[in-house]
Amino acid sequence: MTRIAVAVLVCGWGASAHVGSPDVFFEGAAGPYRVSVVVRPPAVIPGVAEVEVRCASSAIDRVLLTPVAMVGESAKHPPTADLALRDKSDPGYFTGSLWFMVTANWNVRVRMEGAAGKGELSVPVPAAAQRTMAMDRTLAGVLGLLCLILSVGVVSIVSAAVREAQVEPGGTPGPDRLLRSRRYAIGASVAVVTVLVLGRLWWSAEAGNYDRYIYKPLAMTPSVEGDSLRLRLTDPGWIRSRALDDFLPDHGHLMHLFVVRAPELDRVWHLHPERVESGEFRQALPALAAGEYRLFADVVHGNGFPETLTALLTIPATQAGRALEGDDSHGQASSFGPSAPLSGGHRLVWSNAGERLRARAPASFRFRVDDDKGKPVRDLELYMGMQGHAVFLKKDLTVFAHVHPGGTVPMAALALVAGPHSMHAMGEIPAEVSFPYGLPSPGEYRVFVQVKRSGSVETGMFDVSVPAE
């Protein structure tokens, strides 16, 4: 589950840190149609979100897009749907744009109409102001010049009106008129300057209010107490409706915590701390060697809004730790090629490793589990209701995304609009799992892929490079 990330990229570590991906990727069924959706939320609110819809079938008559609030009274009164535009060269590809007027977790409804009938799916999209837009320098210069001309014009009009309004045609203003016009010109100048100063103060106040509206993630402070990891959450101040005790279970857990050894990025733990009170979680520590670890904690609020919390954990001395239990898992690697070794001579193979990747372009990352003879296995199991889990982590730690086979949308948010979603109805689990995602910026990434075999969770690690355009 990606966190607004976007977005959206890192502002530094500590209480103000924020990682995530700016875009939302989702794959699902809209009735009889298999659909891939990409939503690119705006960086400022209000703003326009860009939507891309790709359908496996080209027999589509039209695609309608509707932005609806996830919860609240407005969720019951959706606006009129917008018609997406069909690409001229690709009949199965549509694009559209939607206004997001407030910070919220939005539900983008995608309605498909075609030869096979009608279908609809919902895509939860978190939208929050990420930055303040700077004014274009050319526009600022033009507006400044116009303001100067207008100010000089106002003073000139006042001075001319006092000096010549009562002078007969062809006459010359007397000394008293000239003196009076100068006084009024000075008064008009003072008035204009006062208006400009007050306007500047008002604009600065509004800009300050908007700066407080810019997204600030929850802060997470870790501490080691005996053989336990304590995570304390605090709100640095953002929107009044955000709480520390309204988290929804996602795959059966209120928090998914990823612990990654840094800077090596060669060991990862996927843990699930328990909440002990509002804003506090605890986790039995696994065996950790002395060193530094980056923490990434995924939570989903009651309104479907997801967040990724980050922190730095320093272990001064090796911890013996406890054995992992339940859904907790661990993985490590010493090499990062197109395939990763698993237990029993099995391998996790990156099926489409040779495909060229572009920043922010949607891609399907496909991974297959082969046995010791190179044949696809038939003993995969669901891991927390999913065929697999993947984490995309940029090596400079500015991007973190927890992705499922359905995309970056957290299942807890999807359940609010589409009901419970899992893969429990599947028969035999396929040996290949794919993850729809678009890496948000050029650079080097490490991908952690988790699958479950014979009751044991196994992790493969891969390196991904996105070239600069």
Protein backbone atom coordinates (compact mmCIF):
# COMPACT_ATOMS: atom_id res chain seq x y z
CA MET A 1 0.00 0.00 0.00
CA THR A 2 1.55 3.15 -1.08
CA ARG A 3 1.43 6.24 1.07
CA ILE A 4 0.67 9.71 -0.25
CA ALA A 5 2.92 9.75 -0.78
CA VAL A 6 2.94 11.16 -2.49
CA ALA A 7 4.57 12.43 -2.62
CA VAL A 8 5.65 13.46 -1.89
CA LEU A 9 9.21 12.58 -1.77
CA VAL A 10 11.40 12.80 1.30
CA CYS A 11 11.79 16.05 3.17
CA GLY A 12 14.41 14.63 5.48
CA TRP A 13 14.36 12.06 8.26
CA GLY A 14 12.78 12.39 11.65
CA ALA A 15 9.45 13.84 12.66
CA SER A 16 9.00 15.68 9.36
CA ALA A 17 9.92 12.82 7.06
CA HIS A 18 7.49 11.72 4.37
CA VAL A 19 8.00 9.03 1.80
CA GLY A 20 5.69 7.60 -0.74
CA SER A 21 4.71 7.63 -4.38
CA PRO A 22 2.71 10.43 -5.93
CA ASP A 23 0.52 8.20 -8.09
CA VAL A 24 -2.04 5.46 -7.40
CA PHE A 25 -1.96 2.23 -9.43
CA PHE A 26 -4.82 -0.23 -9.40
CA GLU A 27 -5.90 -3.32 -11.32
CA GLY A 28 -9.33 -4.87 -11.00
CA ALA A 29 -12.53 -5.95 -12.67
CA ALA A 30 -15.23 -3.49 -13.76
CA GLY A 31 -17.98 -6.01 -14.37
CA PRO A 32 -16.92 -8.02 -17.43
CA TYR A 33 -13.88 -5.82 -18.11
CA ARG A 34 -10.36 -6.21 -16.76
CA VAL A 35 -9.11 -2.68 -16.11
CA SER A 36 -5.86 -0.96 -15.11
CA VAL A 37 -6.20 2.50 -13.61
CA VAL A 38 -3.58 5.13 -12.83
CA VAL A 39 -4.59 8.25 -10.87
CA ARG A 40 -2.10 11.09 -10.53
CA PRO A 41 -3.36 13.31 -7.69
CA PRO A 42 -2.58 17.04 -7.73
CA ALA A 43 0.26 18.39 -5.59
CA VAL A 44 -1.93 21.31 -4.51
CA ILE A 45 -5.52 21.30 -3.28
CA PRO A 46 -7.83 22.34 -4.92
CA GLY A 47 -6.27 20.83 -8.01
CA VAL A 48 -6.79 18.57 -10.99
CA ALA A 49 -6.06 14.83 -10.88
CA GLU A 50 -5.09 13.07 -14.09
CA VAL A 51 -6.65 9.65 -14.70
CA GLU A 52 -5.51 6.94 -17.12
CA VAL A 53 -7.67 3.89 -17.82
CA ARG A 54 -6.56 0.91 -19.86
CA CYS A 55 -8.88 -1.96 -20.68
CA ALA A 56 -7.87 -5.32 -22.12
CA SER A 57 -10.93 -5.15 -24.39
CA SER A 58 -11.07 -2.59 -27.21
CA ALA A 59 -14.87 -3.00 -27.53
CA ILE A 60 -15.50 -0.09 -25.16
CA ASP A 61 -18.05 2.58 -26.09
CA ARG A 62 -17.19 5.05 -23.36
CA VAL A 63 -15.58 5.48 -19.93
CA LEU A 64 -17.08 7.74 -17.25
CA LEU A 65 -15.14 9.10 -14.26
CA THR A 66 -16.65 10.40 -11.03
CA PRO A 67 -14.84 11.77 -7.94
CA VAL A 68 -16.76 10.98 -4.74
CA ALA A 69 -15.81 11.50 -1.11
CA MET A 70 -15.09 8.22 0.67
CA VAL A 71 -17.16 8.99 3.76
CA GLY A 72 -19.60 11.61 4.97
CA GLU A 73 -22.78 13.12 3.59
CA SER A 74 -21.14 14.18 0.31
CA ALA A 75 -20.42 10.52 -0.44
CA LYS A 76 -24.17 10.10 -0.96
CA HIS A 77 -24.38 12.84 -3.57
CA PRO A 78 -21.85 12.25 -6.35
CA PRO A 79 -21.34 14.92 -9.01
CA THR A 80 -22.05 14.43 -12.69
CA ALA A 81 -19.60 11.99 -14.26
CA ASP A 82 -16.91 13.24 -16.66
CA LEU A 83 -16.36 11.54 -19.98
CA ALA A 84 -12.83 10.17 -20.48
CA LEU A 85 -11.21 10.68 -23.89
CA ARG A 86 -10.23 7.71 -26.03
CA ASP A 87 -6.67 7.65 -27.36
CA LYS A 88 -6.68 7.86 -31.16
CA SER A 89 -3.99 5.22 -31.59
CA ASP A 90 -5.11 2.83 -28.80
CA PRO A 91 -8.87 2.08 -28.56
CA GLY A 92 -8.48 0.49 -25.12
CA TYR A 93 -6.75 3.51 -23.55
CA PHE A 94 -8.64 6.47 -22.07
CA THR A 95 -7.59 9.63 -20.22
CA GLY A 96 -9.47 12.17 -18.15
CA SER A 97 -9.10 14.76 -15.42
CA LEU A 98 -11.02 15.36 -12.20
CA TRP A 99 -11.10 18.21 -9.70
CA PHE A 100 -10.19 17.38 -6.10
CA MET A 101 -11.50 20.32 -4.11
CA VAL A 102 -10.52 19.35 -0.55
CA THR A 103 -7.99 17.20 1.28
CA ALA A 104 -9.64 13.78 1.66
CA ASN A 105 -9.53 10.16 0.65
CA TRP A 106 -11.42 10.25 -2.63
CA ASN A 107 -13.23 7.43 -4.38
CA VAL A 108 -12.69 7.61 -8.13
CA ARG A 109 -15.48 5.63 -9.75
CA VAL A 110 -14.67 4.25 -13.19
CA ARG A 111 -17.71 3.19 -15.23
CA MET A 112 -17.17 1.15 -18.39
CA GLU A 113 -19.78 0.77 -21.13
CA GLY A 114 -19.21 -1.47 -24.10
CA ALA A 115 -20.22 -4.51 -26.11
CA ALA A 116 -20.13 -6.77 -23.03
CA GLY A 117 -22.40 -4.46 -21.04
CA LYS A 118 -21.65 -2.12 -18.17
CA GLY A 119 -19.22 -2.39 -15.29
CA GLU A 120 -17.89 -0.20 -12.51
CA LEU A 121 -14.98 -0.21 -10.10
CA SER A 122 -13.86 2.15 -7.34
CA VAL A 123 -10.31 3.36 -6.73
CA PRO A 124 -9.55 5.00 -3.35
CA VAL A 125 -7.19 7.94 -3.90
CA PRO A 126 -5.67 9.94 -1.01
CA ALA A 127 -5.32 13.60 -1.92
CA ALA A 128 -3.55 16.21 0.21
CA ALA A 129 -1.66 19.40 -0.51
CA GLN A 130 2.02 18.54 -0.81
CA ARG A 131 3.53 21.93 -1.55
CA THR A 132 2.85 25.57 -2.38
CA MET A 133 2.93 26.44 -6.06
CA ALA A 134 5.39 29.22 -6.90
CA MET A 135 4.27 31.96 -9.26
CA ASP A 136 5.95 32.01 -12.65
CA ARG A 137 8.62 34.73 -12.72
CA THR A 138 7.44 36.15 -16.04
CA LEU A 139 3.87 36.37 -14.79
CA ALA A 140 5.07 37.94 -11.52
CA GLY A 141 7.03 40.54 -13.48
CA VAL A 142 4.06 41.39 -15.70
CA LEU A 143 1.70 41.67 -12.73
CA GLY A 144 4.22 43.83 -10.83
CA LEU A 145 4.54 46.19 -13.80
CA LEU A 146 0.76 46.44 -14.16
CA CYS A 147 0.43 47.13 -10.43
CA LEU A 148 3.00 49.93 -10.69
CA ILE A 149 1.21 51.46 -13.70
CA LEU A 150 -2.14 51.25 -11.91
CA SER A 151 -0.73 52.83 -8.73
CA VAL A 152 0.89 55.71 -10.61
CA GLY A 153 -2.32 56.13 -12.61
CA VAL A 154 -4.47 56.43 -9.48
CA VAL A 155 -2.18 59.10 -8.01
CA SER A 156 -2.07 60.98 -11.33
CA ILE A 157 -5.85 60.93 -11.70
CA VAL A 158 -6.37 62.29 -8.16
CA SER A 159 -3.77 65.02 -8.69
CA ALA A 160 -5.17 66.03 -12.08
CA ALA A 161 -8.76 66.05 -10.82
CA VAL A 162 -7.94 68.41 -7.92
CA ARG A 163 -5.71 70.63 -10.09
CA GLU A 164 -7.88 71.07 -13.19
CA ALA A 165 -11.46 69.96 -12.47
CA GLN A 166 -12.73 73.51 -11.85
CA VAL A 167 -10.42 75.37 -14.25
CA GLU A 168 -12.10 76.93 -17.29
CA PRO A 169 -11.14 75.45 -20.67
CA GLY A 170 -7.83 76.95 -21.76
CA GLY A 171 -7.20 78.35 -18.28
CA THR A 172 -4.18 77.80 -16.04
CA PRO A 173 -4.46 76.45 -12.47
CA GLY A 174 -3.48 78.97 -9.83
CA PRO A 175 -0.76 78.50 -7.19
CA ASP A 176 -3.34 77.40 -4.60
CA ARG A 177 -4.68 74.74 -6.96
CA LEU A 178 -1.18 73.44 -7.66
CA LEU A 179 -0.38 73.27 -3.93
CA ARG A 180 -3.68 71.55 -3.21
CA SER A 181 -3.14 69.02 -6.00
CA ARG A 182 0.29 68.16 -4.59
CA ARG A 183 -1.20 67.58 -1.15
CA TYR A 184 -3.88 65.31 -2.58
CA ALA A 185 -1.25 63.47 -4.63
CA ILE A 186 0.73 62.81 -1.46
CA GLY A 187 -2.44 61.63 0.31
CA ALA A 188 -3.33 59.37 -2.61
CA SER A 189 0.20 57.96 -2.61
CA VAL A 190 -0.07 57.19 1.10
CA ALA A 191 -3.45 55.53 0.53
CA VAL A 192 -2.12 53.42 -2.36
CA VAL A 193 0.92 52.34 -0.37
CA THR A 194 -1.32 51.49 2.61
CA VAL A 195 -3.58 49.34 0.40
CA LEU A 196 -0.53 47.56 -1.06
CA VAL A 197 0.95 46.90 2.40
CA LEU A 198 -2.36 45.62 3.76
CA GLY A 199 -2.78 43.47 0.67
CA ARG A 200 0.70 42.05 1.17
CA LEU A 201 -0.08 41.26 4.81
CA TRP A 202 -3.35 39.58 3.82
CA TRP A 203 -1.61 37.53 1.12
CA SER A 204 1.11 36.44 3.56
CA ALA A 205 -1.51 35.41 6.10
CA GLU A 206 -3.37 33.36 3.49
CA ALA A 207 -0.12 31.76 2.35
CA GLY A 208 0.71 30.92 5.97
CA ASN A 209 -2.71 29.31 6.42
CA TYR A 210 -2.15 27.22 3.30
CA ASP A 211 1.30 26.18 4.53
CA ARG A 212 -0.38 24.76 7.61
CA TYR A 213 -2.70 22.88 5.24
CA ILE A 214 0.22 21.12 3.56
CA TYR A 215 0.39 17.46 4.53
CA LYS A 216 2.47 16.57 7.58
CA PRO A 217 2.71 12.85 8.33
CA LEU A 218 2.34 11.44 11.79
CA ALA A 219 5.64 11.34 13.64
CA MET A 220 6.88 8.00 14.97
CA THR A 221 9.43 7.73 17.76
CA PRO A 222 10.96 4.27 18.34
CA SER A 223 12.62 3.09 21.51
CA VAL A 224 13.93 -0.27 22.70
CA GLU A 225 12.70 -1.39 26.10
CA GLY A 226 14.15 -4.76 27.05
CA ASP A 227 13.26 -7.15 24.26
CA SER A 228 10.43 -4.97 22.93
CA LEU A 229 10.26 -2.18 20.38
CA ARG A 230 8.03 0.70 21.46
CA LEU A 231 6.59 2.98 18.77
CA ARG A 232 5.08 6.25 19.94
CA LEU A 233 2.97 8.19 17.40
CA THR A 234 2.42 11.94 17.69
CA ASP A 235 0.59 14.42 15.50
CA PRO A 236 2.80 17.36 14.43
CA GLY A 237 -0.36 19.31 13.61
CA TRP A 238 -2.16 19.06 10.31
CA ILE A 239 -5.92 18.66 9.95
CA ARG A 240 -8.15 18.59 13.02
CA SER A 241 -9.94 15.40 12.01
CA ARG A 242 -6.83 13.21 12.13
CA ALA A 243 -6.71 10.81 15.07
CA LEU A 244 -4.26 8.35 16.59
CA ASP A 245 -6.80 5.66 17.50
CA ASP A 246 -8.96 5.21 14.40
CA PHE A 247 -6.80 2.79 12.40
CA LEU A 248 -8.48 0.09 10.34
CA PRO A 249 -7.18 -3.49 10.21
CA ASP A 250 -5.43 -4.10 6.90
CA HIS A 251 -4.85 -7.80 6.19
CA GLY A 252 -5.79 -8.37 9.81
CA HIS A 253 -3.26 -5.93 11.31
CA LEU A 254 -3.50 -2.28 12.40
CA MET A 255 0.12 -1.64 11.45
CA HIS A 256 2.54 -3.17 8.97
CA LEU A 257 6.10 -2.35 10.01
CA PHE A 258 9.05 -2.86 7.68
CA VAL A 259 12.49 -2.79 9.27
CA VAL A 260 15.35 -2.46 6.76
CA ARG A 261 19.04 -2.52 7.65
CA ALA A 262 20.75 0.57 6.28
CA PRO A 263 22.71 1.43 4.31
CA GLU A 264 23.18 -2.18 3.11
CA LEU A 265 19.45 -2.79 2.44
CA ASP A 266 20.21 -6.50 2.56
CA ARG A 267 17.91 -7.52 5.42
CA VAL A 268 14.23 -6.77 5.86
CA TRP A 269 11.66 -7.67 8.51
CA HIS A 270 7.90 -7.45 7.90
CA LEU A 271 6.37 -7.11 11.37
CA HIS A 272 2.96 -6.34 12.84
CA PRO A 273 3.12 -4.38 16.11
CA GLU A 274 0.15 -4.50 18.47
CA ARG A 275 -1.55 -1.35 19.72
CA VAL A 276 -1.38 -1.04 23.51
CA GLU A 277 -3.03 2.37 23.79
CA SER A 278 -3.91 5.36 21.64
CA GLY A 279 -0.83 6.34 19.67
CA GLU A 280 1.38 3.56 21.03
CA PHE A 281 2.38 0.21 19.49
CA ARG A 282 4.69 -2.53 20.73
CA GLN A 283 6.53 -5.32 18.94
CA ALA A 284 8.67 -8.14 20.26
CA LEU A 285 12.12 -7.50 18.84
CA PRO A 286 13.54 -10.09 16.46
CA ALA A 287 17.27 -10.82 16.49
CA LEU A 288 18.99 -7.63 15.33
CA ALA A 289 22.69 -7.02 14.90
CA ALA A 290 24.13 -3.73 16.12
CA GLY A 291 23.67 -0.97 13.55
CA GLU A 292 21.13 1.38 11.99
CA TYR A 293 17.72 0.41 10.68
CA ARG A 294 15.09 2.38 8.78
CA LEU A 295 11.50 1.88 9.90
CA PHE A 296 8.49 2.23 7.60
CA ALA A 297 5.07 1.77 9.21
CA ASP A 298 1.86 1.55 7.18
CA VAL A 299 -1.46 2.51 8.79
CA VAL A 300 -4.92 3.29 7.40
CA HIS A 301 -7.27 5.74 9.13
CA GLY A 302 -10.98 5.13 9.61
CA ASN A 303 -11.85 7.30 6.61
CA GLY A 304 -9.56 5.21 4.38
CA PHE A 305 -6.70 7.73 4.37
CA PRO A 306 -3.38 5.82 4.41
CA GLU A 307 -0.08 6.99 5.87
CA THR A 308 3.49 5.70 5.94
CA LEU A 309 5.38 6.71 9.08
CA THR A 310 9.17 6.67 9.10
CA ALA A 311 11.89 6.64 11.72
CA LEU A 312 15.53 5.77 12.30
CA LEU A 313 16.30 3.02 14.82
CA THR A 314 19.83 2.58 16.19
CA ILE A 315 20.70 -0.73 17.85
CA PRO A 316 23.87 -0.13 19.92
CA ALA A 317 24.47 -3.80 20.74
CA THR A 318 23.33 -7.04 19.15
CA GLN A 319 19.88 -8.10 20.33
CA ALA A 320 19.19 -11.80 20.83
CA GLY A 321 15.52 -11.14 20.12
CA ARG A 322 12.60 -13.53 19.94
CA ALA A 323 11.52 -15.98 17.27
CA LEU A 324 9.10 -14.59 14.68
CA GLU A 325 5.48 -15.60 15.05
CA GLY A 326 2.28 -15.45 13.02
CA ASP A 327 2.54 -13.27 9.91
CA ASP A 328 5.90 -11.75 10.90
CA SER A 329 8.69 -12.58 8.44
CA HIS A 330 12.35 -11.93 7.66
CA GLY A 331 14.50 -12.01 4.55
CA GLN A 332 18.13 -11.44 3.70
CA ALA A 333 20.32 -11.64 0.61
CA SER A 334 23.92 -11.20 -0.48
CA SER A 335 23.30 -10.82 -4.24
CA PHE A 336 20.62 -9.04 -6.23
CA GLY A 337 20.40 -10.46 -9.74
CA PRO A 338 17.36 -11.35 -11.91
CA SER A 339 16.62 -14.35 -9.68
CA ALA A 340 16.82 -14.90 -5.93
CA PRO A 341 17.48 -18.17 -4.08
CA LEU A 342 14.78 -19.62 -1.84
CA SER A 343 14.83 -22.62 0.46
CA GLY A 344 15.06 -26.15 -0.93
CA GLY A 345 16.86 -25.07 -4.08
CA HIS A 346 13.86 -23.09 -5.30
CA ARG A 347 14.27 -19.68 -6.92
CA LEU A 348 12.21 -16.53 -7.27
CA VAL A 349 12.67 -15.34 -10.86
CA TRP A 350 11.96 -11.83 -12.11
CA SER A 351 10.15 -12.87 -15.29
CA ASN A 352 10.30 -9.57 -17.20
CA ALA A 353 13.59 -8.22 -15.84
CA GLY A 354 14.76 -7.08 -19.28
CA GLU A 355 11.95 -4.59 -19.90
CA ARG A 356 12.93 -0.93 -20.00
CA LEU A 357 11.41 1.18 -17.26
CA ARG A 358 10.50 4.86 -17.33
CA ALA A 359 9.83 7.10 -14.35
CA ARG A 360 6.10 7.37 -13.46
CA ALA A 361 5.15 5.07 -16.35
CA PRO A 362 2.91 2.15 -15.30
CA ALA A 363 4.60 -1.23 -15.44
CA SER A 364 3.88 -4.80 -14.38
CA PHE A 365 6.60 -6.40 -12.28
CA ARG A 366 6.21 -10.18 -12.68
CA PHE A 367 7.89 -12.77 -10.47
CA ARG A 368 7.75 -16.57 -10.76
CA VAL A 369 8.68 -19.27 -8.24
CA ASP A 370 10.58 -22.20 -9.81
CA ASP A 371 11.51 -25.45 -8.13
CA ASP A 372 15.01 -26.96 -8.04
CA LYS A 373 14.48 -28.30 -11.59
CA GLY A 374 13.50 -24.93 -13.01
CA LYS A 375 9.77 -25.76 -13.23
CA PRO A 376 7.01 -23.48 -11.87
CA VAL A 377 5.93 -24.63 -8.40
CA ARG A 378 2.42 -25.65 -7.37
CA ASP A 379 2.67 -25.23 -3.61
CA LEU A 380 2.25 -21.46 -3.14
CA GLU A 381 -0.12 -20.21 -0.45
CA LEU A 382 -1.77 -16.89 0.23
CA TYR A 383 0.16 -14.55 2.52
CA MET A 384 -2.32 -12.43 4.51
CA GLY A 385 -4.94 -12.94 1.82
CA MET A 386 -2.63 -11.98 -1.05
CA GLN A 387 -0.71 -13.97 -3.63
CA GLY A 388 2.33 -11.93 -2.67
CA HIS A 389 3.61 -8.64 -1.30
CA ALA A 390 6.27 -6.33 -2.70
CA VAL A 391 8.14 -3.34 -1.31
CA PHE A 392 9.80 -0.86 -3.66
CA LEU A 393 12.49 1.12 -1.83
CA LYS A 394 14.69 3.71 -3.50
CA LYS A 395 18.27 3.32 -2.35
CA ASP A 396 18.49 6.94 -1.22
CA LEU A 397 15.41 6.16 0.94
CA THR A 398 13.23 8.82 -0.68
CA VAL A 399 10.65 6.36 -2.00
CA PHE A 400 8.86 3.54 -0.18
CA ALA A 401 5.84 1.70 -1.55
CA HIS A 402 4.10 -1.42 -0.28
CA VAL A 403 2.39 -2.95 -3.32
CA HIS A 404 -0.05 -5.84 -3.77
CA PRO A 405 -1.06 -7.76 -6.91
CA GLY A 406 -3.98 -5.32 -7.17
CA GLY A 407 -1.73 -2.25 -6.99
CA THR A 408 -0.90 0.40 -4.42
CA VAL A 409 -4.37 0.79 -2.89
CA PRO A 410 -4.56 -0.49 0.72
CA MET A 411 -7.16 -3.22 1.07
CA ALA A 412 -8.65 -1.53 4.14
CA ALA A 413 -9.48 1.55 2.05
CA LEU A 414 -10.80 -0.57 -0.82
CA ALA A 415 -13.10 -2.41 1.57
CA LEU A 416 -14.83 0.88 2.45
CA VAL A 417 -16.04 1.31 -1.13
CA ALA A 418 -16.04 -2.17 -2.62
CA GLY A 419 -16.46 -4.51 0.35
CA PRO A 420 -13.88 -7.02 1.67
CA HIS A 421 -11.32 -7.95 -0.92
CA SER A 422 -9.02 -10.94 -0.86
CA MET A 423 -7.98 -13.90 -2.97
CA HIS A 424 -9.38 -16.60 -0.70
CA ALA A 425 -11.73 -17.82 -3.42
CA MET A 426 -8.82 -18.89 -5.63
CA GLY A 427 -8.06 -22.55 -6.23
CA GLU A 428 -4.44 -23.41 -6.89
CA ILE A 429 -2.23 -20.34 -6.46
CA PRO A 430 -0.36 -19.52 -9.69
CA ALA A 431 3.42 -19.73 -9.59
CA GLU A 432 3.71 -16.20 -11.01
CA VAL A 433 2.63 -13.04 -9.25
CA SER A 434 2.62 -9.54 -10.76
CA PHE A 435 2.63 -6.12 -9.15
CA PRO A 436 1.34 -3.04 -11.05
CA TYR A 437 3.44 -0.02 -10.17
CA GLY A 438 5.27 2.96 -11.64
CA LEU A 439 8.57 4.00 -10.09
CA PRO A 440 8.17 7.73 -9.37
CA SER A 441 11.64 9.04 -10.28
CA PRO A 442 14.89 7.99 -11.97
CA GLY A 443 17.43 6.21 -9.82
CA GLU A 444 18.33 2.93 -8.16
CA TYR A 445 15.74 0.87 -6.30
CA ARG A 446 15.67 -2.35 -4.31
CA VAL A 447 12.58 -4.54 -4.49
CA PHE A 448 11.62 -7.00 -1.75
CA VAL A 449 9.14 -9.65 -2.92
CA GLN A 450 7.43 -11.95 -0.44
CA VAL A 451 5.60 -15.21 -1.17
CA LYS A 452 4.43 -18.06 1.05
CA ARG A 453 5.29 -21.73 0.52
CA SER A 454 4.42 -24.65 2.78
CA GLY A 455 3.54 -22.35 5.67
CA SER A 456 6.78 -20.34 5.44
CA VAL A 457 7.15 -16.79 4.10
CA GLU A 458 10.16 -16.33 1.82
CA THR A 459 11.68 -13.13 0.51
CA GLY A 460 13.53 -12.41 -2.72
CA MET A 461 15.47 -9.19 -3.32
CA PHE A 462 16.12 -7.49 -6.64
CA ASP A 463 17.78 -4.34 -7.93
CA VAL A 464 15.88 -2.07 -10.32
CA SER A 465 17.33 0.86 -12.25
CA VAL A 466 15.28 3.66 -13.80
CA PRO A 467 17.32 5.75 -16.26
CA ALA A 468 17.01 9.51 -16.49
CA GLU A 469 15.10 10.65 -19.55
